[in-house]
Amino acid sequence: MLLSIAVLPLAAPGFWARNRNKVFLSIGLSIPALFILLRHSQMVLFAHSMMEYLSFIILLGALFLISGGIHISGSRAGTPLVNTAYLAVGAVLSNLIGTTGASMLLIRPFLRANQRRQKKAHLIIFFIFIVCNIGGLLTPLGDPPLFLGFLRGVPFFWTLKLFPEWAFAIGVLLIVFNLIDQKIFEKEDVQTPGSLIEDVQPRRKLHIDGKRNFLCLAGVMTAAPLCAHFGCPYGIRESIMLLMAAVSYFGTPKAVHKSNRFSFDPIIEVAALFLGIFITMIPALEIISYRASSWKLEHAWQFFWMTGALSGFLDNAPTYLTFSALACGMFGGNAQDLSLLLRSAVGEKMLYAISCGAVFMGANTYIGNGPNLMVKSIAEHSGIKMPSFGGYLVYSVSILIPLFLLYSFVFFR
């Protein structure tokens, strides 16, 4: 499944351009995994994974639809300093409305702000790094793994203890981004007749259309913690999210959707590809879980790198649960009650590492976290030529891996 995502866009671009073909691909490549589960009488794992998939897609779809009804225009934009500030705001916002909500709300105005820039791929890549992933470390609403931790006993405000780790990673990335964007901007300025700053920096007042959709957005983001607090059965939370999405979509004027160049193609692409990922990862995660005890992980940095390495290529939520279960097992518990890890300094350090690894390294690939692929798709529909799966890996290996090496030395040595 991963090989197809990496190779087919280059080898068969015509085939890959059709979302229908991605659905057929996901279903076809899922058959061997389903055969394995059926043979070993583990179809209950398939049913559980499909419930998680539906919750995942409904959340992404609701946020995608609602944010598509909010149009932000005006203000100064397009310069390296403003772009850096924009990403910083996105990093903060990711903790309030989730990485998906912040990504879907900000990506379109971010694209419009830089529409007159020539080279734009690096803008989207750093947007994925910061807003789609690393920014959402401070609350359970920020990223799905942290929300699973909250559901399994981690206090809601515990993740605020990760502020030093968050500030360090975000600060370094913003500095690196500003230096890169400044260099590219200066090169474009030389090649552009007149002043590029005057060209990309419109002097218009900020204006927001579709403000009522912020109420729908709040409804989606409060549905999850409220349902968890009151112990609502499966389906209630998802029904609330679907209702908010429907109210938003049908209540938004068509002119707003047109201004946003709104299309269902990005969410359909994500739904198609993650269907295959959620099914084919079941046997892979079971093997990892079964063999994990033989890896003899003892230190926080080991949990950081193992959780992170797998989060980049598998969904980061089940990866988080796999390694948190392993860590709990070292103290005689299991993943059903992660609060056990908080009863000792060693256990809490391991949960630090697992949380940071799952959230941070979801940025390593396009499929490490749901918003990554959606932002890529939206950017491509806006005419931006994005790097291939392998091309994106070049960026993440060159920029993120050195950061994570430094990060593990500072926080987990």
Foldseek 3Di string as FASTA:
>chain_A
DLVCQFPCCPPPVPLVVDLVSLLVVLVVLLVVLVVVCVVVVNCVLVVVLVLVLLVQLLLLLLLLLLLLLKDKDAAWAAALVRLLVLLVVLLQVLQVLALSNSLNNRLLVNCVLNVPPDACQLSLLLSCQRSNFLSRQQFCNHAVQSVLQVLQADPGRPSNVCVVLSCLLSVVSSVVSSVVRNVSLVVVQVVDPDGVSVVSTDHGDIDMGLVVSVVLSVQLSVLSVVCSVVVPDRPPSSVSSVVSSVCSNVVRDVVSSVVSVDDCVLSSNLSSNVSSLSSVCSVVLVVCLVCVVVVPDDFLLVLLVVLQVVLLPHPSNSSLQSVLQVLVVVVVGGSSHSCSLVVDPRSVSNNSSSSSSSRNSLSQFCRSGSSSSSSVVSVVVVPHDYDRRVRSNVVCVVPVVVVVVVSCVVRTD
